[in-house]
PDB file of N, CA and C in Angstrom:
ATOM      1  N   MET A   1      -5.329 -40.383  15.110  1.00  0.00           N
ATOM      2  CA  MET A   1      -4.587 -41.245  14.207  1.00  0.00           C
ATOM      3  C   MET A   1      -4.588 -40.676  12.782  1.00  0.00           C
ATOM      4  N   GLN A   2      -5.729 -40.192  12.332  1.00  0.00           N
ATOM      5  CA  GLN A   2      -5.853 -39.625  10.994  1.00  0.00           C
ATOM      6  C   GLN A   2      -4.997 -38.356  10.863  1.00  0.00           C
ATOM      7  N   ILE A   3      -4.909 -37.580  11.925  1.00  0.00           N
ATOM      8  CA  ILE A   3      -4.140 -36.342  11.906  1.00  0.00           C
ATOM      9  C   ILE A   3      -2.655 -36.644  11.728  1.00  0.00           C
ATOM     10  N   LYS A   4      -2.137 -37.684  12.367  1.00  0.00           N
ATOM     11  CA  LYS A   4      -0.728 -38.045  12.235  1.00  0.00           C
ATOM     12  C   LYS A   4      -0.393 -38.414  10.794  1.00  0.00           C
ATOM     13  N   LYS A   5      -1.334 -39.045  10.099  1.00  0.00           N
ATOM     14  CA  LYS A   5      -1.099 -39.419   8.705  1.00  0.00           C
ATOM     15  C   LYS A   5      -1.018 -38.195   7.803  1.00  0.00           C
ATOM     16  N   ILE A   6      -1.641 -37.111   8.196  1.00  0.00           N
ATOM     17  CA  ILE A   6      -1.636 -35.888   7.401  1.00  0.00           C
ATOM     18  C   ILE A   6      -0.464 -34.985   7.775  1.00  0.00           C
ATOM     19  N   ILE A   7      -0.158 -34.886   9.056  1.00  0.00           N
ATOM     20  CA  ILE A   7       0.847 -33.936   9.525  1.00  0.00           C
ATOM     21  C   ILE A   7       2.253 -34.291   9.048  1.00  0.00           C
ATOM     22  N   LEU A   8       2.660 -35.544   9.145  1.00  0.00           N
ATOM     23  CA  LEU A   8       4.017 -35.916   8.748  1.00  0.00           C
ATOM     24  C   LEU A   8       4.281 -35.613   7.262  1.00  0.00           C
ATOM     25  N   PRO A   9       3.417 -36.027   6.336  1.00  0.00           N
ATOM     26  CA  PRO A   9       3.674 -35.663   4.933  1.00  0.00           C
ATOM     27  C   PRO A   9       3.661 -34.147   4.706  1.00  0.00           C
ATOM     28  N   LEU A  10       2.805 -33.443   5.430  1.00  0.00           N
ATOM     29  CA  LEU A  10       2.750 -31.998   5.302  1.00  0.00           C
ATOM     30  C   LEU A  10       4.058 -31.356   5.769  1.00  0.00           C
ATOM     31  N   ILE A  11       4.608 -31.829   6.864  1.00  0.00           N
ATOM     32  CA  ILE A  11       5.886 -31.316   7.368  1.00  0.00           C
ATOM     33  C   ILE A  11       7.006 -31.620   6.379  1.00  0.00           C
ATOM     34  N   LEU A  12       7.034 -32.839   5.856  1.00  0.00           N
ATOM     35  CA  LEU A  12       8.065 -33.212   4.890  1.00  0.00           C
ATOM     36  C   LEU A  12       7.950 -32.386   3.607  1.00  0.00           C
ATOM     37  N   TRP A  13       6.740 -32.157   3.148  1.00  0.00           N
ATOM     38  CA  TRP A  13       6.498 -31.361   1.941  1.00  0.00           C
ATOM     39  C   TRP A  13       6.961 -29.914   2.160  1.00  0.00           C
ATOM     40  N   THR A  14       6.650 -29.354   3.319  1.00  0.00           N
ATOM     41  CA  THR A  14       7.051 -27.981   3.640  1.00  0.00           C
ATOM     42  C   THR A  14       8.571 -27.879   3.703  1.00  0.00           C
ATOM     43  N   LEU A  15       9.216 -28.848   4.318  1.00  0.00           N
ATOM     44  CA  LEU A  15      10.672 -28.860   4.397  1.00  0.00           C
ATOM     45  C   LEU A  15      11.292 -28.943   2.996  1.00  0.00           C
ATOM     46  N   ALA A  16      10.736 -29.789   2.146  1.00  0.00           N
ATOM     47  CA  ALA A  16      11.247 -29.925   0.774  1.00  0.00           C
ATOM     48  C   ALA A  16      11.095 -28.613   0.007  1.00  0.00           C
ATOM     49  N   LEU A  17       9.978 -27.919   0.167  1.00  0.00           N
ATOM     50  CA  LEU A  17       9.777 -26.639  -0.503  1.00  0.00           C
ATOM     51  C   LEU A  17      10.768 -25.586  -0.013  1.00  0.00           C
ATOM     52  N   CYS A  18      11.020 -25.560   1.285  1.00  0.00           N
ATOM     53  CA  CYS A  18      11.982 -24.602   1.841  1.00  0.00           C
ATOM     54  C   CYS A  18      13.376 -24.851   1.304  1.00  0.00           C
ATOM     55  N   LEU A  19      13.780 -26.117   1.239  1.00  0.00           N
ATOM     56  CA  LEU A  19      15.100 -26.451   0.727  1.00  0.00           C
ATOM     57  C   LEU A  19      15.223 -26.115  -0.753  1.00  0.00           C
ATOM     58  N   ALA A  20      14.169 -26.397  -1.512  1.00  0.00           N
ATOM     59  CA  ALA A  20      14.191 -26.094  -2.942  1.00  0.00           C
ATOM     60  C   ALA A  20      14.275 -24.585  -3.156  1.00  0.00           C
ATOM     61  N   HIS A  21      13.528 -23.821  -2.375  1.00  0.00           N
ATOM     62  CA  HIS A  21      13.536 -22.372  -2.528  1.00  0.00           C
ATOM     63  C   HIS A  21      14.917 -21.798  -2.203  1.00  0.00           C
ATOM     64  N   SER A  22      15.537 -22.272  -1.138  1.00  0.00           N
ATOM     65  CA  SER A  22      16.858 -21.738  -0.776  1.00  0.00           C
ATOM     66  C   SER A  22      17.899 -22.109  -1.823  1.00  0.00           C
ATOM     67  N   ALA A  23      17.766 -23.270  -2.440  1.00  0.00           N
ATOM     68  CA  ALA A  23      18.710 -23.673  -3.484  1.00  0.00           C
ATOM     69  C   ALA A  23      18.532 -22.810  -4.729  1.00  0.00           C
ATOM     70  N   LEU A  24      17.285 -22.484  -5.072  1.00  0.00           N
ATOM     71  CA  LEU A  24      17.030 -21.669  -6.252  1.00  0.00           C
ATOM     72  C   LEU A  24      17.394 -20.208  -6.027  1.00  0.00           C
ATOM     73  N   ALA A  25      17.315 -19.758  -4.788  1.00  0.00           N
ATOM     74  CA  ALA A  25      17.582 -18.352  -4.479  1.00  0.00           C
ATOM     75  C   ALA A  25      19.070 -18.022  -4.523  1.00  0.00           C
ATOM     76  N   GLN A  26      19.940 -19.007  -4.472  1.00  0.00           N
ATOM     77  CA  GLN A  26      21.371 -18.747  -4.511  1.00  0.00           C
ATOM     78  C   GLN A  26      21.788 -18.321  -5.911  1.00  0.00           C
ATOM     79  N   GLU A  27      22.749 -17.420  -5.959  1.00  0.00           N
ATOM     80  CA  GLU A  27      23.248 -16.951  -7.242  1.00  0.00           C
ATOM     81  C   GLU A  27      24.040 -18.063  -7.904  1.00  0.00           C
ATOM     82  N   PHE A  28      23.812 -18.252  -9.189  1.00  0.00           N
ATOM     83  CA  PHE A  28      24.507 -19.292  -9.927  1.00  0.00           C
ATOM     84  C   PHE A  28      25.303 -18.662 -11.057  1.00  0.00           C
ATOM     85  N   ILE A  29      26.569 -18.953 -11.095  1.00  0.00           N
ATOM     86  CA  ILE A  29      27.425 -18.489 -12.174  1.00  0.00           C
ATOM     87  C   ILE A  29      28.008 -19.718 -12.849  1.00  0.00           C
ATOM     88  N   PHE A  30      27.801 -19.804 -14.146  1.00  0.00           N
ATOM     89  CA  PHE A  30      28.294 -20.943 -14.914  1.00  0.00           C
ATOM     90  C   PHE A  30      29.799 -20.805 -15.114  1.00  0.00           C
ATOM     91  N   GLU A  31      30.527 -21.800 -14.721  1.00  0.00           N
ATOM     92  CA  GLU A  31      31.956 -21.847 -14.981  1.00  0.00           C
ATOM     93  C   GLU A  31      32.208 -23.077 -15.837  1.00  0.00           C
ATOM     94  N   PRO A  32      32.543 -22.866 -17.095  1.00  0.00           N
ATOM     95  CA  PRO A  32      32.721 -24.006 -17.993  1.00  0.00           C
ATOM     96  C   PRO A  32      33.820 -24.950 -17.509  1.00  0.00           C
ATOM     97  N   SER A  33      33.608 -26.208 -17.736  1.00  0.00           N
ATOM     98  CA  SER A  33      34.589 -27.224 -17.396  1.00  0.00           C
ATOM     99  C   SER A  33      35.793 -27.078 -18.318  1.00  0.00           C
ATOM    100  N   PRO A  34      37.000 -27.297 -17.804  1.00  0.00           N
ATOM    101  CA  PRO A  34      38.182 -27.231 -18.665  1.00  0.00           C
ATOM    102  C   PRO A  34      38.105 -28.194 -19.848  1.00  0.00           C
ATOM    103  N   SER A  35      37.333 -29.259 -19.690  1.00  0.00           N
ATOM    104  CA  SER A  35      37.215 -30.234 -20.775  1.00  0.00           C
ATOM    105  C   SER A  35      36.422 -29.681 -21.965  1.00  0.00           C
ATOM    106  N   LEU A  36      35.681 -28.567 -21.757  1.00  0.00           N
ATOM    107  CA  LEU A  36      34.936 -27.967 -22.872  1.00  0.00           C
ATOM    108  C   LEU A  36      35.853 -27.195 -23.813  1.00  0.00           C
ATOM    109  N   ASP A  37      37.075 -26.898 -23.356  1.00  0.00           N
ATOM    110  CA  ASP A  37      38.062 -26.200 -24.164  1.00  0.00           C
ATOM    111  C   ASP A  37      37.507 -24.902 -24.737  1.00  0.00           C
ATOM    112  N   LEU A  38      36.926 -24.069 -23.852  1.00  0.00           N
ATOM    113  CA  LEU A  38      36.376 -22.785 -24.257  1.00  0.00           C
ATOM    114  C   LEU A  38      37.343 -21.672 -23.913  1.00  0.00           C
ATOM    115  N   GLU A  39      37.455 -20.728 -24.799  1.00  0.00           N
ATOM    116  CA  GLU A  39      38.199 -19.518 -24.492  1.00  0.00           C
ATOM    117  C   GLU A  39      37.194 -18.389 -24.496  1.00  0.00           C
ATOM    118  N   ILE A  40      36.806 -17.967 -23.285  1.00  0.00           N
ATOM    119  CA  ILE A  40      35.805 -16.912 -23.159  1.00  0.00           C
ATOM    120  C   ILE A  40      36.316 -15.848 -22.198  1.00  0.00           C
ATOM    121  N   VAL A  41      35.757 -14.647 -22.345  1.00  0.00           N
ATOM    122  CA  VAL A  41      36.124 -13.569 -21.429  1.00  0.00           C
ATOM    123  C   VAL A  41      35.468 -13.835 -20.080  1.00  0.00           C
ATOM    124  N   SER A  42      36.009 -13.202 -19.054  1.00  0.00           N
ATOM    125  CA  SER A  42      35.490 -13.432 -17.709  1.00  0.00           C
ATOM    126  C   SER A  42      34.124 -12.772 -17.524  1.00  0.00           C
ATOM    127  N   ILE A  43      33.368 -13.322 -16.611  1.00  0.00           N
ATOM    128  CA  ILE A  43      32.057 -12.762 -16.301  1.00  0.00           C
ATOM    129  C   ILE A  43      32.208 -11.374 -15.681  1.00  0.00           C
ATOM    130  N   ASP A  44      33.331 -11.133 -14.980  1.00  0.00           N
ATOM    131  CA  ASP A  44      33.585  -9.809 -14.406  1.00  0.00           C
ATOM    132  C   ASP A  44      33.713  -8.745 -15.500  1.00  0.00           C
ATOM    133  N   MET A  45      34.352  -9.112 -16.604  1.00  0.00           N
ATOM    134  CA  MET A  45      34.484  -8.181 -17.723  1.00  0.00           C
ATOM    135  C   MET A  45      33.116  -7.854 -18.319  1.00  0.00           C
ATOM    136  N   ILE A  46      32.277  -8.864 -18.450  1.00  0.00           N
ATOM    137  CA  ILE A  46      30.927  -8.666 -19.001  1.00  0.00           C
ATOM    138  C   ILE A  46      30.107  -7.779 -18.071  1.00  0.00           C
ATOM    139  N   ILE A  47      30.200  -8.017 -16.763  1.00  0.00           N
ATOM    140  CA  ILE A  47      29.474  -7.192 -15.790  1.00  0.00           C
ATOM    141  C   ILE A  47      29.928  -5.738 -15.897  1.00  0.00           C
ATOM    142  N   SER A  48      31.220  -5.527 -15.997  1.00  0.00           N
ATOM    143  CA  SER A  48      31.761  -4.174 -16.119  1.00  0.00           C
ATOM    144  C   SER A  48      31.245  -3.486 -17.384  1.00  0.00           C
ATOM    145  N   GLN A  49      31.257  -4.193 -18.504  1.00  0.00           N
ATOM    146  CA  GLN A  49      30.769  -3.628 -19.765  1.00  0.00           C
ATOM    147  C   GLN A  49      29.276  -3.322 -19.686  1.00  0.00           C
ATOM    148  N   ALA A  50      28.509  -4.218 -19.056  1.00  0.00           N
ATOM    149  CA  ALA A  50      27.069  -3.995 -18.931  1.00  0.00           C
ATOM    150  C   ALA A  50      26.801  -2.739 -18.111  1.00  0.00           C
ATOM    151  N   HIS A  51      27.560  -2.531 -17.029  1.00  0.00           N
ATOM    152  CA  HIS A  51      27.388  -1.332 -16.202  1.00  0.00           C
ATOM    153  C   HIS A  51      27.823  -0.068 -16.944  1.00  0.00           C
ATOM    154  N   ASP A  52      28.783  -0.183 -17.856  1.00  0.00           N
ATOM    155  CA  ASP A  52      29.183   0.968 -18.671  1.00  0.00           C
ATOM    156  C   ASP A  52      28.076   1.365 -19.643  1.00  0.00           C
ATOM    157  N   ILE A  53      27.295   0.390 -20.094  1.00  0.00           N
ATOM    158  CA  ILE A  53      26.232   0.647 -21.064  1.00  0.00           C
ATOM    159  C   ILE A  53      24.977   1.196 -20.399  1.00  0.00           C
ATOM    160  N   SER A  54      24.639   0.669 -19.226  1.00  0.00           N
ATOM    161  CA  SER A  54      23.397   1.072 -18.575  1.00  0.00           C
ATOM    162  C   SER A  54      23.539   1.048 -17.056  1.00  0.00           C
ATOM    163  N   VAL A  55      22.958   2.060 -16.424  1.00  0.00           N
ATOM    164  CA  VAL A  55      22.923   2.100 -14.963  1.00  0.00           C
ATOM    165  C   VAL A  55      21.720   1.288 -14.517  1.00  0.00           C
ATOM    166  N   GLY A  56      21.919   0.395 -13.578  1.00  0.00           N
ATOM    167  CA  GLY A  56      20.820  -0.419 -13.071  1.00  0.00           C
ATOM    168  C   GLY A  56      21.340  -1.672 -12.406  1.00  0.00           C
ATOM    169  N   ASN A  57      20.406  -2.553 -12.075  1.00  0.00           N
ATOM    170  CA  ASN A  57      20.745  -3.812 -11.406  1.00  0.00           C
ATOM    171  C   ASN A  57      20.722  -4.952 -12.415  1.00  0.00           C
ATOM    172  N   ILE A  58      21.805  -5.713 -12.431  1.00  0.00           N
ATOM    173  CA  ILE A  58      21.835  -6.897 -13.280  1.00  0.00           C
ATOM    174  C   ILE A  58      20.985  -7.964 -12.608  1.00  0.00           C
ATOM    175  N   GLU A  59      19.960  -8.417 -13.316  1.00  0.00           N
ATOM    176  CA  GLU A  59      19.057  -9.421 -12.764  1.00  0.00           C
ATOM    177  C   GLU A  59      19.464 -10.832 -13.151  1.00  0.00           C
ATOM    178  N   GLU A  60      20.090 -10.984 -14.320  1.00  0.00           N
ATOM    179  CA  GLU A  60      20.417 -12.337 -14.780  1.00  0.00           C
ATOM    180  C   GLU A  60      21.545 -12.271 -15.799  1.00  0.00           C
ATOM    181  N   ILE A  61      22.439 -13.236 -15.703  1.00  0.00           N
ATOM    182  CA  ILE A  61      23.490 -13.412 -16.709  1.00  0.00           C
ATOM    183  C   ILE A  61      23.508 -14.891 -17.074  1.00  0.00           C
ATOM    184  N   GLU A  62      23.441 -15.168 -18.362  1.00  0.00           N
ATOM    185  CA  GLU A  62      23.478 -16.557 -18.817  1.00  0.00           C
ATOM    186  C   GLU A  62      24.559 -16.704 -19.882  1.00  0.00           C
ATOM    187  N   LEU A  63      25.269 -17.803 -19.805  1.00  0.00           N
ATOM    188  CA  LEU A  63      26.205 -18.179 -20.854  1.00  0.00           C
ATOM    189  C   LEU A  63      25.502 -19.248 -21.682  1.00  0.00           C
ATOM    190  N   LYS A  64      25.316 -18.947 -22.970  1.00  0.00           N
ATOM    191  CA  LYS A  64      24.557 -19.854 -23.844  1.00  0.00           C
ATOM    192  C   LYS A  64      25.335 -20.090 -25.140  1.00  0.00           C
ATOM    193  N   LYS A  65      25.011 -21.203 -25.748  1.00  0.00           N
ATOM    194  CA  LYS A  65      25.544 -21.467 -27.081  1.00  0.00           C
ATOM    195  C   LYS A  65      24.415 -21.220 -28.070  1.00  0.00           C
ATOM    196  N   ARG A  66      24.618 -20.262 -28.961  1.00  0.00           N
ATOM    197  CA  ARG A  66      23.599 -19.918 -29.944  1.00  0.00           C
ATOM    198  C   ARG A  66      24.267 -19.861 -31.319  1.00  0.00           C
ATOM    199  N   ASN A  67      23.750 -20.634 -32.243  1.00  0.00           N
ATOM    200  CA  ASN A  67      24.303 -20.690 -33.606  1.00  0.00           C
ATOM    201  C   ASN A  67      25.805 -20.989 -33.602  1.00  0.00           C
ATOM    202  N   ASN A  68      26.185 -22.004 -32.835  1.00  0.00           N
ATOM    203  CA  ASN A  68      27.594 -22.429 -32.717  1.00  0.00           C
ATOM    204  C   ASN A  68      28.513 -21.330 -32.194  1.00  0.00           C
ATOM    205  N   ARG A  69      27.954 -20.408 -31.422  1.00  0.00           N
ATOM    206  CA  ARG A  69      28.736 -19.306 -30.851  1.00  0.00           C
ATOM    207  C   ARG A  69      28.326 -19.151 -29.393  1.00  0.00           C
ATOM    208  N   TRP A  70      29.313 -19.017 -28.504  1.00  0.00           N
ATOM    209  CA  TRP A  70      29.026 -18.798 -27.095  1.00  0.00           C
ATOM    210  C   TRP A  70      28.757 -17.320 -26.863  1.00  0.00           C
ATOM    211  N   ILE A  71      27.664 -17.039 -26.167  1.00  0.00           N
ATOM    212  CA  ILE A  71      27.286 -15.653 -25.873  1.00  0.00           C
ATOM    213  C   ILE A  71      26.940 -15.516 -24.392  1.00  0.00           C
ATOM    214  N   TYR A  72      27.073 -14.298 -23.901  1.00  0.00           N
ATOM    215  CA  TYR A  72      26.537 -13.943 -22.592  1.00  0.00           C
ATOM    216  C   TYR A  72      25.272 -13.142 -22.839  1.00  0.00           C
ATOM    217  N   GLU A  73      24.191 -13.546 -22.184  1.00  0.00           N
ATOM    218  CA  GLU A  73      22.937 -12.812 -22.249  1.00  0.00           C
ATOM    219  C   GLU A  73      22.742 -12.151 -20.878  1.00  0.00           C
ATOM    220  N   VAL A  74      22.652 -10.827 -20.864  1.00  0.00           N
ATOM    221  CA  VAL A  74      22.576 -10.072 -19.616  1.00  0.00           C
ATOM    222  C   VAL A  74      21.254  -9.314 -19.578  1.00  0.00           C
ATOM    223  N   GLU A  75      20.513  -9.462 -18.476  1.00  0.00           N
ATOM    224  CA  GLU A  75      19.280  -8.701 -18.279  1.00  0.00           C
ATOM    225  C   GLU A  75      19.505  -7.696 -17.162  1.00  0.00           C
ATOM    226  N   ILE A  76      19.184  -6.425 -17.448  1.00  0.00           N
ATOM    227  CA  ILE A  76      19.375  -5.348 -16.491  1.00  0.00           C
ATOM    228  C   ILE A  76      18.032  -4.673 -16.223  1.00  0.00           C
ATOM    229  N   LEU A  77      17.737  -4.441 -14.947  1.00  0.00           N
ATOM    230  CA  LEU A  77      16.609  -3.597 -14.570  1.00  0.00           C
ATOM    231  C   LEU A  77      17.197  -2.210 -14.416  1.00  0.00           C
ATOM    232  N   THR A  78      16.866  -1.323 -15.356  1.00  0.00           N
ATOM    233  CA  THR A  78      17.491  -0.008 -15.401  1.00  0.00           C
ATOM    234  C   THR A  78      16.961   0.903 -14.299  1.00  0.00           C
ATOM    235  N   SER A  79      17.655   2.021 -14.116  1.00  0.00           N
ATOM    236  CA  SER A  79      17.275   2.961 -13.053  1.00  0.00           C
ATOM    237  C   SER A  79      15.894   3.569 -13.283  1.00  0.00           C
ATOM    238  N   ASP A  80      15.405   3.558 -14.539  1.00  0.00           N
ATOM    239  CA  ASP A  80      14.055   4.065 -14.813  1.00  0.00           C
ATOM    240  C   ASP A  80      13.026   2.925 -14.881  1.00  0.00           C
ATOM    241  N   ASN A  81      13.354   1.795 -14.252  1.00  0.00           N
ATOM    242  CA  ASN A  81      12.467   0.624 -14.117  1.00  0.00           C
ATOM    243  C   ASN A  81      12.065  -0.011 -15.440  1.00  0.00           C
ATOM    244  N   ASN A  82      12.970  -0.010 -16.398  1.00  0.00           N
ATOM    245  CA  ASN A  82      12.767  -0.741 -17.640  1.00  0.00           C
ATOM    246  C   ASN A  82      13.749  -1.903 -17.675  1.00  0.00           C
ATOM    247  N   LYS A  83      13.469  -2.878 -18.524  1.00  0.00           N
ATOM    248  CA  LYS A  83      14.384  -4.011 -18.674  1.00  0.00           C
ATOM    249  C   LYS A  83      15.161  -3.856 -19.971  1.00  0.00           C
ATOM    250  N   LEU A  84      16.460  -4.131 -19.863  1.00  0.00           N
ATOM    251  CA  LEU A  84      17.344  -4.052 -21.006  1.00  0.00           C
ATOM    252  C   LEU A  84      18.052  -5.393 -21.146  1.00  0.00           C
ATOM    253  N   GLU A  85      18.081  -5.924 -22.371  1.00  0.00           N
ATOM    254  CA  GLU A  85      18.781  -7.180 -22.634  1.00  0.00           C
ATOM    255  C   GLU A  85      19.997  -6.879 -23.499  1.00  0.00           C
ATOM    256  N   LEU A  86      21.151  -7.303 -23.012  1.00  0.00           N
ATOM    257  CA  LEU A  86      22.397  -7.126 -23.743  1.00  0.00           C
ATOM    258  C   LEU A  86      22.950  -8.498 -24.107  1.00  0.00           C
ATOM    259  N   ILE A  87      23.423  -8.632 -25.340  1.00  0.00           N
ATOM    260  CA  ILE A  87      24.034  -9.875 -25.793  1.00  0.00           C
ATOM    261  C   ILE A  87      25.486  -9.569 -26.134  1.00  0.00           C
ATOM    262  N   PHE A  88      26.408 -10.307 -25.476  1.00  0.00           N
ATOM    263  CA  PHE A  88      27.837 -10.140 -25.712  1.00  0.00           C
ATOM    264  C   PHE A  88      28.413 -11.415 -26.305  1.00  0.00           C
ATOM    265  N   ASP A  89      29.363 -11.271 -27.213  1.00  0.00           N
ATOM    266  CA  ASP A  89      30.122 -12.411 -27.716  1.00  0.00           C
ATOM    267  C   ASP A  89      31.038 -12.864 -26.579  1.00  0.00           C
ATOM    268  N   ALA A  90      30.941 -14.112 -26.189  1.00  0.00           N
ATOM    269  CA  ALA A  90      31.717 -14.612 -25.054  1.00  0.00           C
ATOM    270  C   ALA A  90      33.201 -14.764 -25.385  1.00  0.00           C
ATOM    271  N   SER A  91      33.550 -14.845 -26.659  1.00  0.00           N
ATOM    272  CA  SER A  91      34.960 -15.038 -27.006  1.00  0.00           C
ATOM    273  C   SER A  91      35.777 -13.753 -26.893  1.00  0.00           C
ATOM    274  N   ASP A  92      35.139 -12.596 -27.171  1.00  0.00           N
ATOM    275  CA  ASP A  92      35.909 -11.348 -27.110  1.00  0.00           C
ATOM    276  C   ASP A  92      35.208 -10.229 -26.328  1.00  0.00           C
ATOM    277  N   GLY A  93      33.987 -10.462 -25.865  1.00  0.00           N
ATOM    278  CA  GLY A  93      33.265  -9.467 -25.081  1.00  0.00           C
ATOM    279  C   GLY A  93      32.581  -8.389 -25.898  1.00  0.00           C
ATOM    280  N   ALA A  94      32.553  -8.532 -27.228  1.00  0.00           N
ATOM    281  CA  ALA A  94      31.925  -7.526 -28.083  1.00  0.00           C
ATOM    282  C   ALA A  94      30.407  -7.525 -27.882  1.00  0.00           C
ATOM    283  N   LEU A  95      29.823  -6.326 -27.848  1.00  0.00           N
ATOM    284  CA  LEU A  95      28.372  -6.200 -27.737  1.00  0.00           C
ATOM    285  C   LEU A  95      27.747  -6.566 -29.075  1.00  0.00           C
ATOM    286  N   LEU A  96      26.875  -7.579 -29.083  1.00  0.00           N
ATOM    287  CA  LEU A  96      26.232  -8.025 -30.316  1.00  0.00           C
ATOM    288  C   LEU A  96      24.855  -7.402 -30.503  1.00  0.00           C
ATOM    289  N   SER A  97      24.130  -7.232 -29.389  1.00  0.00           N
ATOM    290  CA  SER A  97      22.818  -6.601 -29.508  1.00  0.00           C
ATOM    291  C   SER A  97      22.402  -5.980 -28.186  1.00  0.00           C
ATOM    292  N   LYS A  98      21.511  -5.010 -28.308  1.00  0.00           N
ATOM    293  CA  LYS A  98      20.985  -4.287 -27.155  1.00  0.00           C
ATOM    294  C   LYS A  98      19.514  -4.010 -27.462  1.00  0.00           C
ATOM    295  N   ARG A  99      18.630  -4.482 -26.579  1.00  0.00           N
ATOM    296  CA  ARG A  99      17.211  -4.224 -26.831  1.00  0.00           C
ATOM    297  C   ARG A  99      16.455  -4.072 -25.517  1.00  0.00           C
ATOM    298  N   HIS A 100      15.427  -3.249 -25.589  1.00  0.00           N
ATOM    299  CA  HIS A 100      14.559  -3.070 -24.430  1.00  0.00           C
ATOM    300  C   HIS A 100      13.501  -4.166 -24.454  1.00  0.00           C
ATOM    301  N   VAL A 101      13.227  -4.724 -23.302  1.00  0.00           N
ATOM    302  CA  VAL A 101      12.277  -5.822 -23.172  1.00  0.00           C
ATOM    303  C   VAL A 101      11.081  -5.308 -22.394  1.00  0.00           C
ATOM    304  N   LYS A 102       9.899  -5.693 -22.830  1.00  0.00           N
ATOM    305  CA  LYS A 102       8.696  -5.301 -22.106  1.00  0.00           C
ATOM    306  C   LYS A 102       8.756  -5.880 -20.703  1.00  0.00           C
ATOM    307  N   HIS A 103       8.584  -5.032 -19.723  1.00  0.00           N
ATOM    308  CA  HIS A 103       8.703  -5.436 -18.320  1.00  0.00           C
ATOM    309  C   HIS A 103       7.322  -5.539 -17.704  1.00  0.00           C
ATOM    310  N   LYS A 104       6.997  -6.681 -17.137  1.00  0.00           N
ATOM    311  CA  LYS A 104       5.703  -6.897 -16.498  1.00  0.00           C
ATOM    312  C   LYS A 104       5.850  -6.736 -14.996  1.00  0.00           C
ATOM    313  N   TRP A 105       5.108  -5.844 -14.450  1.00  0.00           N
ATOM    314  CA  TRP A 105       5.123  -5.609 -12.996  1.00  0.00           C
ATOM    315  C   TRP A 105       3.983  -6.348 -12.347  1.00  0.00           C
ATOM    316  N   ARG A 106       4.234  -6.873 -11.183  1.00  0.00           N
ATOM    317  CA  ARG A 106       3.182  -7.522 -10.396  1.00  0.00           C
ATOM    318  C   ARG A 106       3.009  -6.731  -9.123  1.00  0.00           C
ATOM    319  N   MET A 107       1.778  -6.403  -8.823  1.00  0.00           N
ATOM    320  CA  MET A 107       1.496  -5.671  -7.605  1.00  0.00           C
ATOM    321  C   MET A 107       1.284  -6.679  -6.486  1.00  0.00           C
ATOM    322  N   SER A 108       1.981  -6.480  -5.377  1.00  0.00           N
ATOM    323  CA  SER A 108       1.778  -7.364  -4.237  1.00  0.00           C
ATOM    324  C   SER A 108       0.681  -6.791  -3.359  1.00  0.00           C
ATOM    325  N   ARG A 109      -0.033  -7.667  -2.737  1.00  0.00           N
ATOM    326  CA  ARG A 109      -1.148  -7.222  -1.893  1.00  0.00           C
ATOM    327  C   ARG A 109      -0.742  -7.194  -0.467  1.00  0.00           C
TER     328      ARG A 109
END
């Protein structure tokens, strides 16, 4: 009887964790609502520009509002295993900043 009280919540908890993980693992691309009345360049253009600047894998792209200006923040894991952060103006795609970010590696056992 005691085991049944433990097993059901454990199964439900495991199922909830699996569902949460699969939802977080999906790629998310922000598409502004037409009601926001934004005029921004496409994410495809930003990806193309980022690849022109650095060879590597794009790990993250975020559309953010910073100082009343919409920007794309792009993180790239470069071919030499460094992280590069690129900031683009979302209205015209101009590169605003480029900086190397300290990359922390975790060793798996």
